[in-house]
Amino acid sequence: MLRKSTDVYNLNEMSHDATITLIRKIVAHVKVKTAYIDTVGNPQSYQRKLEREFPTIQFVVESKADANYAPCSAASVGKIEKREEKPENTERLAMSCKSNSIMSVS
């Protein structure tokens, strides 16, 4: 996303943009019905942002979603194990954690 040099780009916005980019890559190959997202920042505004970007996907955005939803837990464990690998493996990890057209990004 292009921004003016005077705009503030904080870590939450950077995380949101990374998640949106990841979801775009996934939905290019997989039909996603529901996505469970471990929130960064305010869950309600983050969910609205995601719903505007992807109106056909139902989003569950919660703090500590990785503790409440199995797909998020699997993604968190996989993320920790894969942290040192190349960034292009992140898309494969998220796709491998999907179950019945459900995805998780944490």
PDB file of N, CA and C in Angstrom:
ATOM      1  N   MET A   1       0.842  -1.163   0.000  1.00  0.00           N
ATOM      2  CA  MET A   1       0.000   0.000   0.000  1.00  0.00           C
ATOM      3  C   MET A   1       0.893   1.235   0.000  1.00  0.00           C
ATOM      4  N   LEU A   2       0.653   2.166  -0.894  1.00  0.00           N
ATOM      5  CA  LEU A   2       1.448   3.385  -0.960  1.00  0.00           C
ATOM      6  C   LEU A   2       0.899   4.420   0.010  1.00  0.00           C
ATOM      7  N   ARG A   3       1.807   5.068   0.701  1.00  0.00           N
ATOM      8  CA  ARG A   3       1.429   6.086   1.680  1.00  0.00           C
ATOM      9  C   ARG A   3       2.279   7.322   1.464  1.00  0.00           C
ATOM     10  N   LYS A   4       1.756   8.471   1.883  1.00  0.00           N
ATOM     11  CA  LYS A   4       2.539   9.697   1.853  1.00  0.00           C
ATOM     12  C   LYS A   4       3.659   9.587   2.871  1.00  0.00           C
ATOM     13  N   SER A   5       4.769  10.226   2.597  1.00  0.00           N
ATOM     14  CA  SER A   5       5.908  10.132   3.501  1.00  0.00           C
ATOM     15  C   SER A   5       5.605  10.719   4.877  1.00  0.00           C
ATOM     16  N   THR A   6       4.584  11.561   4.977  1.00  0.00           N
ATOM     17  CA  THR A   6       4.232  12.166   6.266  1.00  0.00           C
ATOM     18  C   THR A   6       3.264  11.299   7.067  1.00  0.00           C
ATOM     19  N   ASP A   7       2.701  10.255   6.445  1.00  0.00           N
ATOM     20  CA  ASP A   7       1.772   9.374   7.151  1.00  0.00           C
ATOM     21  C   ASP A   7       2.518   8.490   8.139  1.00  0.00           C
ATOM     22  N   VAL A   8       1.869   8.210   9.250  1.00  0.00           N
ATOM     23  CA  VAL A   8       2.424   7.287  10.237  1.00  0.00           C
ATOM     24  C   VAL A   8       1.971   5.885   9.861  1.00  0.00           C
ATOM     25  N   TYR A   9       2.909   4.970   9.816  1.00  0.00           N
ATOM     26  CA  TYR A   9       2.615   3.578   9.475  1.00  0.00           C
ATOM     27  C   TYR A   9       3.076   2.734  10.655  1.00  0.00           C
ATOM     28  N   ASN A  10       2.126   2.397  11.540  1.00  0.00           N
ATOM     29  CA  ASN A  10       2.510   1.701  12.764  1.00  0.00           C
ATOM     30  C   ASN A  10       2.539   0.188  12.564  1.00  0.00           C
ATOM     31  N   LEU A  11       3.000  -0.526  13.584  1.00  0.00           N
ATOM     32  CA  LEU A  11       3.141  -1.978  13.480  1.00  0.00           C
ATOM     33  C   LEU A  11       1.805  -2.691  13.307  1.00  0.00           C
ATOM     34  N   ASN A  12       0.733  -2.173  13.919  1.00  0.00           N
ATOM     35  CA  ASN A  12      -0.578  -2.793  13.731  1.00  0.00           C
ATOM     36  C   ASN A  12      -1.013  -2.709  12.269  1.00  0.00           C
ATOM     37  N   GLU A  13      -0.856  -1.528  11.659  1.00  0.00           N
ATOM     38  CA  GLU A  13      -1.226  -1.370  10.252  1.00  0.00           C
ATOM     39  C   GLU A  13      -0.364  -2.256   9.357  1.00  0.00           C
ATOM     40  N   MET A  14       0.914  -2.368   9.697  1.00  0.00           N
ATOM     41  CA  MET A  14       1.804  -3.222   8.927  1.00  0.00           C
ATOM     42  C   MET A  14       1.353  -4.684   9.021  1.00  0.00           C
ATOM     43  N   SER A  15       0.962  -5.108  10.213  1.00  0.00           N
ATOM     44  CA  SER A  15       0.468  -6.473  10.400  1.00  0.00           C
ATOM     45  C   SER A  15      -0.834  -6.696   9.639  1.00  0.00           C
ATOM     46  N   HIS A  16      -1.739  -5.721   9.684  1.00  0.00           N
ATOM     47  CA  HIS A  16      -3.000  -5.820   8.941  1.00  0.00           C
ATOM     48  C   HIS A  16      -2.724  -5.973   7.451  1.00  0.00           C
ATOM     49  N   ASP A  17      -1.834  -5.143   6.923  1.00  0.00           N
ATOM     50  CA  ASP A  17      -1.521  -5.190   5.494  1.00  0.00           C
ATOM     51  C   ASP A  17      -0.888  -6.533   5.111  1.00  0.00           C
ATOM     52  N   ALA A  18      -0.035  -7.063   5.979  1.00  0.00           N
ATOM     53  CA  ALA A  18       0.582  -8.370   5.705  1.00  0.00           C
ATOM     54  C   ALA A  18      -0.475  -9.466   5.689  1.00  0.00           C
ATOM     55  N   THR A  19      -1.430  -9.403   6.618  1.00  0.00           N
ATOM     56  CA  THR A  19      -2.504 -10.386   6.662  1.00  0.00           C
ATOM     57  C   THR A  19      -3.371 -10.293   5.412  1.00  0.00           C
ATOM     58  N   ILE A  20      -3.716  -9.094   5.004  1.00  0.00           N
ATOM     59  CA  ILE A  20      -4.525  -8.900   3.795  1.00  0.00           C
ATOM     60  C   ILE A  20      -3.797  -9.444   2.565  1.00  0.00           C
ATOM     61  N   THR A  21      -2.502  -9.205   2.474  1.00  0.00           N
ATOM     62  CA  THR A  21      -1.719  -9.725   1.357  1.00  0.00           C
ATOM     63  C   THR A  21      -1.718 -11.248   1.367  1.00  0.00           C
ATOM     64  N   LEU A  22      -1.548 -11.839   2.531  1.00  0.00           N
ATOM     65  CA  LEU A  22      -1.559 -13.301   2.657  1.00  0.00           C
ATOM     66  C   LEU A  22      -2.914 -13.878   2.257  1.00  0.00           C
ATOM     67  N   ILE A  23      -3.996 -13.244   2.729  1.00  0.00           N
ATOM     68  CA  ILE A  23      -5.341 -13.730   2.378  1.00  0.00           C
ATOM     69  C   ILE A  23      -5.563 -13.626   0.878  1.00  0.00           C
ATOM     70  N   ARG A  24      -5.127 -12.543   0.254  1.00  0.00           N
ATOM     71  CA  ARG A  24      -5.273 -12.403  -1.206  1.00  0.00           C
ATOM     72  C   ARG A  24      -4.582 -13.546  -1.935  1.00  0.00           C
ATOM     73  N   LYS A  25      -3.392 -13.910  -1.487  1.00  0.00           N
ATOM     74  CA  LYS A  25      -2.660 -15.002  -2.129  1.00  0.00           C
ATOM     75  C   LYS A  25      -3.383 -16.330  -1.932  1.00  0.00           C
ATOM     76  N   ILE A  26      -3.941 -16.524  -0.762  1.00  0.00           N
ATOM     77  CA  ILE A  26      -4.637 -17.783  -0.482  1.00  0.00           C
ATOM     78  C   ILE A  26      -5.929 -17.888  -1.281  1.00  0.00           C
ATOM     79  N   VAL A  27      -6.744 -16.820  -1.301  1.00  0.00           N
ATOM     80  CA  VAL A  27      -8.032 -16.901  -1.999  1.00  0.00           C
ATOM     81  C   VAL A  27      -7.872 -16.991  -3.514  1.00  0.00           C
ATOM     82  N   ALA A  28      -6.683 -16.727  -4.010  1.00  0.00           N
ATOM     83  CA  ALA A  28      -6.431 -16.926  -5.440  1.00  0.00           C
ATOM     84  C   ALA A  28      -6.407 -18.410  -5.792  1.00  0.00           C
ATOM     85  N   HIS A  29      -6.214 -19.271  -4.772  1.00  0.00           N
ATOM     86  CA  HIS A  29      -6.089 -20.710  -5.002  1.00  0.00           C
ATOM     87  C   HIS A  29      -7.116 -21.556  -4.251  1.00  0.00           C
ATOM     88  N   VAL A  30      -7.719 -20.991  -3.212  1.00  0.00           N
ATOM     89  CA  VAL A  30      -8.594 -21.761  -2.332  1.00  0.00           C
ATOM     90  C   VAL A  30      -9.847 -20.948  -2.040  1.00  0.00           C
ATOM     91  N   LYS A  31     -11.010 -21.614  -2.052  1.00  0.00           N
ATOM     92  CA  LYS A  31     -12.238 -20.932  -1.652  1.00  0.00           C
ATOM     93  C   LYS A  31     -12.292 -20.914  -0.122  1.00  0.00           C
ATOM     94  N   VAL A  32     -12.334 -19.728   0.444  1.00  0.00           N
ATOM     95  CA  VAL A  32     -12.344 -19.559   1.899  1.00  0.00           C
ATOM     96  C   VAL A  32     -13.718 -19.066   2.323  1.00  0.00           C
ATOM     97  N   LYS A  33     -14.342 -19.780   3.249  1.00  0.00           N
ATOM     98  CA  LYS A  33     -15.643 -19.374   3.783  1.00  0.00           C
ATOM     99  C   LYS A  33     -15.494 -18.595   5.075  1.00  0.00           C
ATOM    100  N   THR A  34     -14.617 -19.079   5.957  1.00  0.00           N
ATOM    101  CA  THR A  34     -14.438 -18.481   7.276  1.00  0.00           C
ATOM    102  C   THR A  34     -12.956 -18.364   7.566  1.00  0.00           C
ATOM    103  N   ALA A  35     -12.555 -17.242   8.143  1.00  0.00           N
ATOM    104  CA  ALA A  35     -11.162 -17.039   8.537  1.00  0.00           C
ATOM    105  C   ALA A  35     -11.128 -16.621   9.999  1.00  0.00           C
ATOM    106  N   TYR A  36     -10.296 -17.298  10.773  1.00  0.00           N
ATOM    107  CA  TYR A  36     -10.101 -16.987  12.186  1.00  0.00           C
ATOM    108  C   TYR A  36      -8.808 -16.199  12.318  1.00  0.00           C
ATOM    109  N   ILE A  37      -8.915 -15.002  12.847  1.00  0.00           N
ATOM    110  CA  ILE A  37      -7.773 -14.102  12.915  1.00  0.00           C
ATOM    111  C   ILE A  37      -7.489 -13.731  14.365  1.00  0.00           C
ATOM    112  N   ASP A  38      -6.249 -13.936  14.783  1.00  0.00           N
ATOM    113  CA  ASP A  38      -5.801 -13.484  16.096  1.00  0.00           C
ATOM    114  C   ASP A  38      -5.495 -11.997  15.952  1.00  0.00           C
ATOM    115  N   THR A  39      -6.224 -11.167  16.661  1.00  0.00           N
ATOM    116  CA  THR A  39      -6.204  -9.737  16.417  1.00  0.00           C
ATOM    117  C   THR A  39      -4.889  -9.055  16.793  1.00  0.00           C
ATOM    118  N   VAL A  40      -4.629  -8.001  16.081  1.00  0.00           N
ATOM    119  CA  VAL A  40      -3.602  -7.028  16.421  1.00  0.00           C
ATOM    120  C   VAL A  40      -4.352  -5.703  16.467  1.00  0.00           C
ATOM    121  N   GLY A  41      -4.468  -5.121  17.636  1.00  0.00           N
ATOM    122  CA  GLY A  41      -5.231  -3.885  17.775  1.00  0.00           C
ATOM    123  C   GLY A  41      -6.689  -4.173  18.096  1.00  0.00           C
ATOM    124  N   ASN A  42      -7.538  -3.228  17.770  1.00  0.00           N
ATOM    125  CA  ASN A  42      -8.963  -3.318  18.066  1.00  0.00           C
ATOM    126  C   ASN A  42      -9.629  -4.382  17.179  1.00  0.00           C
ATOM    127  N   PRO A  43     -10.233  -5.413  17.786  1.00  0.00           N
ATOM    128  CA  PRO A  43     -10.808  -6.493  16.973  1.00  0.00           C
ATOM    129  C   PRO A  43     -11.957  -6.049  16.066  1.00  0.00           C
ATOM    130  N   GLN A  44     -12.809  -5.146  16.549  1.00  0.00           N
ATOM    131  CA  GLN A  44     -13.967  -4.730  15.749  1.00  0.00           C
ATOM    132  C   GLN A  44     -13.533  -3.946  14.504  1.00  0.00           C
ATOM    133  N   SER A  45     -12.621  -3.002  14.667  1.00  0.00           N
ATOM    134  CA  SER A  45     -12.205  -2.221  13.497  1.00  0.00           C
ATOM    135  C   SER A  45     -11.390  -3.074  12.527  1.00  0.00           C
ATOM    136  N   TYR A  46     -10.601  -4.010  13.052  1.00  0.00           N
ATOM    137  CA  TYR A  46      -9.827  -4.916  12.209  1.00  0.00           C
ATOM    138  C   TYR A  46     -10.770  -5.820  11.414  1.00  0.00           C
ATOM    139  N   GLN A  47     -11.818  -6.326  12.066  1.00  0.00           N
ATOM    140  CA  GLN A  47     -12.788  -7.178  11.383  1.00  0.00           C
ATOM    141  C   GLN A  47     -13.500  -6.397  10.277  1.00  0.00           C
ATOM    142  N   ARG A  48     -13.911  -5.171  10.560  1.00  0.00           N
ATOM    143  CA  ARG A  48     -14.566  -4.346   9.520  1.00  0.00           C
ATOM    144  C   ARG A  48     -13.627  -4.121   8.334  1.00  0.00           C
ATOM    145  N   LYS A  49     -12.359  -3.872   8.621  1.00  0.00           N
ATOM    146  CA  LYS A  49     -11.367  -3.661   7.559  1.00  0.00           C
ATOM    147  C   LYS A  49     -11.258  -4.912   6.676  1.00  0.00           C
ATOM    148  N   LEU A  50     -11.194  -6.078   7.306  1.00  0.00           N
ATOM    149  CA  LEU A  50     -11.101  -7.326   6.555  1.00  0.00           C
ATOM    150  C   LEU A  50     -12.375  -7.596   5.760  1.00  0.00           C
ATOM    151  N   GLU A  51     -13.526  -7.326   6.357  1.00  0.00           N
ATOM    152  CA  GLU A  51     -14.801  -7.551   5.665  1.00  0.00           C
ATOM    153  C   GLU A  51     -14.957  -6.631   4.467  1.00  0.00           C
ATOM    154  N   ARG A  52     -14.419  -5.421   4.529  1.00  0.00           N
ATOM    155  CA  ARG A  52     -14.451  -4.515   3.365  1.00  0.00           C
ATOM    156  C   ARG A  52     -13.577  -5.069   2.233  1.00  0.00           C
ATOM    157  N   GLU A  53     -12.435  -5.622   2.590  1.00  0.00           N
ATOM    158  CA  GLU A  53     -11.509  -6.174   1.592  1.00  0.00           C
ATOM    159  C   GLU A  53     -12.018  -7.480   0.985  1.00  0.00           C
ATOM    160  N   PHE A  54     -12.682  -8.293   1.823  1.00  0.00           N
ATOM    161  CA  PHE A  54     -13.109  -9.635   1.408  1.00  0.00           C
ATOM    162  C   PHE A  54     -14.568  -9.858   1.825  1.00  0.00           C
ATOM    163  N   PRO A  55     -15.514  -9.284   1.103  1.00  0.00           N
ATOM    164  CA  PRO A  55     -16.924  -9.347   1.527  1.00  0.00           C
ATOM    165  C   PRO A  55     -17.533 -10.754   1.510  1.00  0.00           C
ATOM    166  N   THR A  56     -16.920 -11.704   0.822  1.00  0.00           N
ATOM    167  CA  THR A  56     -17.487 -13.057   0.757  1.00  0.00           C
ATOM    168  C   THR A  56     -16.973 -13.979   1.865  1.00  0.00           C
ATOM    169  N   ILE A  57     -16.045 -13.485   2.684  1.00  0.00           N
ATOM    170  CA  ILE A  57     -15.470 -14.304   3.754  1.00  0.00           C
ATOM    171  C   ILE A  57     -16.039 -13.863   5.091  1.00  0.00           C
ATOM    172  N   GLN A  58     -16.428 -14.835   5.912  1.00  0.00           N
ATOM    173  CA  GLN A  58     -16.850 -14.543   7.284  1.00  0.00           C
ATOM    174  C   GLN A  58     -15.600 -14.532   8.156  1.00  0.00           C
ATOM    175  N   PHE A  59     -15.390 -13.458   8.896  1.00  0.00           N
ATOM    176  CA  PHE A  59     -14.207 -13.326   9.735  1.00  0.00           C
ATOM    177  C   PHE A  59     -14.570 -13.430  11.208  1.00  0.00           C
ATOM    178  N   VAL A  60     -13.748 -14.162  11.938  1.00  0.00           N
ATOM    179  CA  VAL A  60     -13.812 -14.210  13.391  1.00  0.00           C
ATOM    180  C   VAL A  60     -12.490 -13.605  13.850  1.00  0.00           C
ATOM    181  N   VAL A  61     -12.559 -12.390  14.392  1.00  0.00           N
ATOM    182  CA  VAL A  61     -11.357 -11.672  14.804  1.00  0.00           C
ATOM    183  C   VAL A  61     -11.414 -11.479  16.310  1.00  0.00           C
ATOM    184  N   GLU A  62     -10.498 -12.114  17.013  1.00  0.00           N
ATOM    185  CA  GLU A  62     -10.495 -12.052  18.475  1.00  0.00           C
ATOM    186  C   GLU A  62      -9.077 -12.001  19.005  1.00  0.00           C
ATOM    187  N   SER A  63      -8.933 -11.390  20.149  1.00  0.00           N
ATOM    188  CA  SER A  63      -7.685 -11.475  20.883  1.00  0.00           C
ATOM    189  C   SER A  63      -7.570 -12.890  21.426  1.00  0.00           C
ATOM    190  N   LYS A  64      -6.400 -13.476  21.332  1.00  0.00           N
ATOM    191  CA  LYS A  64      -6.148 -14.845  21.801  1.00  0.00           C
ATOM    192  C   LYS A  64      -6.961 -15.883  21.019  1.00  0.00           C
ATOM    193  N   ALA A  65      -7.248 -15.615  19.746  1.00  0.00           N
ATOM    194  CA  ALA A  65      -7.985 -16.582  18.924  1.00  0.00           C
ATOM    195  C   ALA A  65      -7.224 -17.898  18.818  1.00  0.00           C
ATOM    196  N   ASP A  66      -5.904 -17.833  18.933  1.00  0.00           N
ATOM    197  CA  ASP A  66      -5.127 -19.073  18.852  1.00  0.00           C
ATOM    198  C   ASP A  66      -5.396 -19.996  20.038  1.00  0.00           C
ATOM    199  N   ALA A  67      -5.893 -19.447  21.131  1.00  0.00           N
ATOM    200  CA  ALA A  67      -6.249 -20.274  22.293  1.00  0.00           C
ATOM    201  C   ALA A  67      -7.686 -20.791  22.199  1.00  0.00           C
ATOM    202  N   ASN A  68      -8.511 -20.162  21.362  1.00  0.00           N
ATOM    203  CA  ASN A  68      -9.932 -20.490  21.300  1.00  0.00           C
ATOM    204  C   ASN A  68     -10.349 -21.313  20.078  1.00  0.00           C
ATOM    205  N   TYR A  69      -9.539 -21.313  19.022  1.00  0.00           N
ATOM    206  CA  TYR A  69      -9.918 -21.971  17.776  1.00  0.00           C
ATOM    207  C   TYR A  69      -8.778 -22.844  17.275  1.00  0.00           C
ATOM    208  N   ALA A  70      -9.101 -24.088  16.987  1.00  0.00           N
ATOM    209  CA  ALA A  70      -8.083 -25.049  16.551  1.00  0.00           C
ATOM    210  C   ALA A  70      -7.300 -24.588  15.312  1.00  0.00           C
ATOM    211  N   PRO A  71      -7.953 -24.025  14.266  1.00  0.00           N
ATOM    212  CA  PRO A  71      -7.154 -23.591  13.104  1.00  0.00           C
ATOM    213  C   PRO A  71      -6.118 -22.530  13.465  1.00  0.00           C
ATOM    214  N   CYS A  72      -6.476 -21.631  14.369  1.00  0.00           N
ATOM    215  CA  CYS A  72      -5.527 -20.603  14.805  1.00  0.00           C
ATOM    216  C   CYS A  72      -4.405 -21.218  15.623  1.00  0.00           C
ATOM    217  N   SER A  73      -4.730 -22.178  16.463  1.00  0.00           N
ATOM    218  CA  SER A  73      -3.705 -22.856  17.264  1.00  0.00           C
ATOM    219  C   SER A  73      -2.708 -23.560  16.364  1.00  0.00           C
ATOM    220  N   ALA A  74      -3.209 -24.253  15.356  1.00  0.00           N
ATOM    221  CA  ALA A  74      -2.320 -24.960  14.426  1.00  0.00           C
ATOM    222  C   ALA A  74      -1.424 -23.974  13.685  1.00  0.00           C
ATOM    223  N   ALA A  75      -1.987 -22.853  13.273  1.00  0.00           N
ATOM    224  CA  ALA A  75      -1.195 -21.850  12.563  1.00  0.00           C
ATOM    225  C   ALA A  75      -0.131 -21.257  13.476  1.00  0.00           C
ATOM    226  N   SER A  76      -0.456 -21.044  14.744  1.00  0.00           N
ATOM    227  CA  SER A  76       0.516 -20.483  15.684  1.00  0.00           C
ATOM    228  C   SER A  76       1.677 -21.433  15.907  1.00  0.00           C
ATOM    229  N   VAL A  77       1.381 -22.708  16.076  1.00  0.00           N
ATOM    230  CA  VAL A  77       2.443 -23.703  16.271  1.00  0.00           C
ATOM    231  C   VAL A  77       3.305 -23.783  15.012  1.00  0.00           C
ATOM    232  N   GLY A  78       2.650 -23.843  13.867  1.00  0.00           N
ATOM    233  CA  GLY A  78       3.392 -23.898  12.606  1.00  0.00           C
ATOM    234  C   GLY A  78       4.233 -22.660  12.380  1.00  0.00           C
ATOM    235  N   LYS A  79       3.697 -21.515  12.768  1.00  0.00           N
ATOM    236  CA  LYS A  79       4.416 -20.247  12.596  1.00  0.00           C
ATOM    237  C   LYS A  79       5.693 -20.249  13.424  1.00  0.00           C
ATOM    238  N   ILE A  80       5.608 -20.735  14.638  1.00  0.00           N
ATOM    239  CA  ILE A  80       6.786 -20.777  15.502  1.00  0.00           C
ATOM    240  C   ILE A  80       7.845 -21.696  14.897  1.00  0.00           C
ATOM    241  N   GLU A  81       7.421 -22.854  14.406  1.00  0.00           N
ATOM    242  CA  GLU A  81       8.372 -23.804  13.837  1.00  0.00           C
ATOM    243  C   GLU A  81       8.963 -23.324  12.519  1.00  0.00           C
ATOM    244  N   LYS A  82       8.210 -22.545  11.768  1.00  0.00           N
ATOM    245  CA  LYS A  82       8.643 -22.105  10.440  1.00  0.00           C
ATOM    246  C   LYS A  82       9.234 -20.694  10.432  1.00  0.00           C
ATOM    247  N   ARG A  83       9.323 -20.059  11.580  1.00  0.00           N
ATOM    248  CA  ARG A  83       9.721 -18.646  11.669  1.00  0.00           C
ATOM    249  C   ARG A  83      11.027 -18.353  10.939  1.00  0.00           C
ATOM    250  N   GLU A  84      11.966 -19.263  10.978  1.00  0.00           N
ATOM    251  CA  GLU A  84      13.284 -19.020  10.401  1.00  0.00           C
ATOM    252  C   GLU A  84      13.366 -19.324   8.905  1.00  0.00           C
ATOM    253  N   GLU A  85      12.309 -19.904   8.342  1.00  0.00           N
ATOM    254  CA  GLU A  85      12.346 -20.229   6.921  1.00  0.00           C
ATOM    255  C   GLU A  85      12.074 -18.995   6.066  1.00  0.00           C
ATOM    256  N   LYS A  86      12.220 -19.152   4.776  1.00  0.00           N
ATOM    257  CA  LYS A  86      12.010 -18.056   3.840  1.00  0.00           C
ATOM    258  C   LYS A  86      10.559 -17.590   3.864  1.00  0.00           C
ATOM    259  N   PRO A  87      10.303 -16.287   3.642  1.00  0.00           N
ATOM    260  CA  PRO A  87       8.934 -15.741   3.683  1.00  0.00           C
ATOM    261  C   PRO A  87       7.964 -16.402   2.716  1.00  0.00           C
ATOM    262  N   GLU A  88       8.416 -16.907   1.564  1.00  0.00           N
ATOM    263  CA  GLU A  88       7.471 -17.501   0.620  1.00  0.00           C
ATOM    264  C   GLU A  88       6.829 -18.768   1.172  1.00  0.00           C
ATOM    265  N   ASN A  89       7.404 -19.358   2.221  1.00  0.00           N
ATOM    266  CA  ASN A  89       6.808 -20.542   2.826  1.00  0.00           C
ATOM    267  C   ASN A  89       5.602 -20.207   3.691  1.00  0.00           C
ATOM    268  N   THR A  90       5.398 -18.952   4.037  1.00  0.00           N
ATOM    269  CA  THR A  90       4.276 -18.537   4.877  1.00  0.00           C
ATOM    270  C   THR A  90       2.952 -18.860   4.199  1.00  0.00           C
ATOM    271  N   GLU A  91       2.860 -18.625   2.895  1.00  0.00           N
ATOM    272  CA  GLU A  91       1.617 -18.909   2.171  1.00  0.00           C
ATOM    273  C   GLU A  91       1.313 -20.403   2.218  1.00  0.00           C
ATOM    274  N   ARG A  92       2.319 -21.242   2.006  1.00  0.00           N
ATOM    275  CA  ARG A  92       2.110 -22.686   2.032  1.00  0.00           C
ATOM    276  C   ARG A  92       1.664 -23.138   3.419  1.00  0.00           C
ATOM    277  N   LEU A  93       2.244 -22.554   4.463  1.00  0.00           N
ATOM    278  CA  LEU A  93       1.873 -22.901   5.827  1.00  0.00           C
ATOM    279  C   LEU A  93       0.409 -22.578   6.078  1.00  0.00           C
ATOM    280  N   ALA A  94      -0.035 -21.387   5.705  1.00  0.00           N
ATOM    281  CA  ALA A  94      -1.425 -20.997   5.936  1.00  0.00           C
ATOM    282  C   ALA A  94      -2.368 -21.906   5.164  1.00  0.00           C
ATOM    283  N   MET A  95      -2.006 -22.268   3.929  1.00  0.00           N
ATOM    284  CA  MET A  95      -2.866 -23.135   3.140  1.00  0.00           C
ATOM    285  C   MET A  95      -2.897 -24.541   3.728  1.00  0.00           C
ATOM    286  N   SER A  96      -1.793 -25.002   4.306  1.00  0.00           N
ATOM    287  CA  SER A  96      -1.780 -26.348   4.862  1.00  0.00           C
ATOM    288  C   SER A  96      -2.572 -26.427   6.156  1.00  0.00           C
ATOM    289  N   CYS A  97      -2.814 -25.289   6.809  1.00  0.00           N
ATOM    290  CA  CYS A  97      -3.578 -25.273   8.056  1.00  0.00           C
ATOM    291  C   CYS A  97      -5.079 -25.181   7.806  1.00  0.00           C
ATOM    292  N   LYS A  98      -5.492 -25.024   6.560  1.00  0.00           N
ATOM    293  CA  LYS A  98      -6.915 -24.891   6.298  1.00  0.00           C
ATOM    294  C   LYS A  98      -7.604 -26.242   6.448  1.00  0.00           C
ATOM    295  N   SER A  99      -8.820 -26.188   6.893  1.00  0.00           N
ATOM    296  CA  SER A  99      -9.606 -27.405   7.058  1.00  0.00           C
ATOM    297  C   SER A  99     -11.036 -27.081   6.684  1.00  0.00           C
ATOM    298  N   ASN A 100     -11.588 -27.771   5.715  1.00  0.00           N
ATOM    299  CA  ASN A 100     -12.958 -27.529   5.255  1.00  0.00           C
ATOM    300  C   ASN A 100     -13.187 -26.074   4.882  1.00  0.00           C
ATOM    301  N   SER A 101     -12.295 -25.533   4.097  1.00  0.00           N
ATOM    302  CA  SER A 101     -12.383 -24.151   3.618  1.00  0.00           C
ATOM    303  C   SER A 101     -12.358 -23.135   4.756  1.00  0.00           C
ATOM    304  N   ILE A 102     -11.665 -23.462   5.816  1.00  0.00           N
ATOM    305  CA  ILE A 102     -11.476 -22.525   6.927  1.00  0.00           C
ATOM    306  C   ILE A 102      -9.991 -22.207   6.970  1.00  0.00           C
ATOM    307  N   MET A 103      -9.657 -20.958   7.136  1.00  0.00           N
ATOM    308  CA  MET A 103      -8.255 -20.597   7.230  1.00  0.00           C
ATOM    309  C   MET A 103      -7.986 -19.882   8.523  1.00  0.00           C
ATOM    310  N   SER A 104      -6.737 -19.767   8.857  1.00  0.00           N
ATOM    311  CA  SER A 104      -6.344 -19.092  10.080  1.00  0.00           C
ATOM    312  C   SER A 104      -5.103 -18.268   9.804  1.00  0.00           C
ATOM    313  N   VAL A 105      -5.099 -17.050  10.257  1.00  0.00           N
ATOM    314  CA  VAL A 105      -3.918 -16.214  10.197  1.00  0.00           C
ATOM    315  C   VAL A 105      -3.702 -15.672  11.586  1.00  0.00           C
ATOM    316  N   SER A 106      -2.542 -15.904  12.129  1.00  0.00           N
ATOM    317  CA  SER A 106      -2.279 -15.371  13.481  1.00  0.00           C
ATOM    318  C   SER A 106      -0.932 -14.706  13.513  1.00  0.00           C
TER     319      SER A 106
END
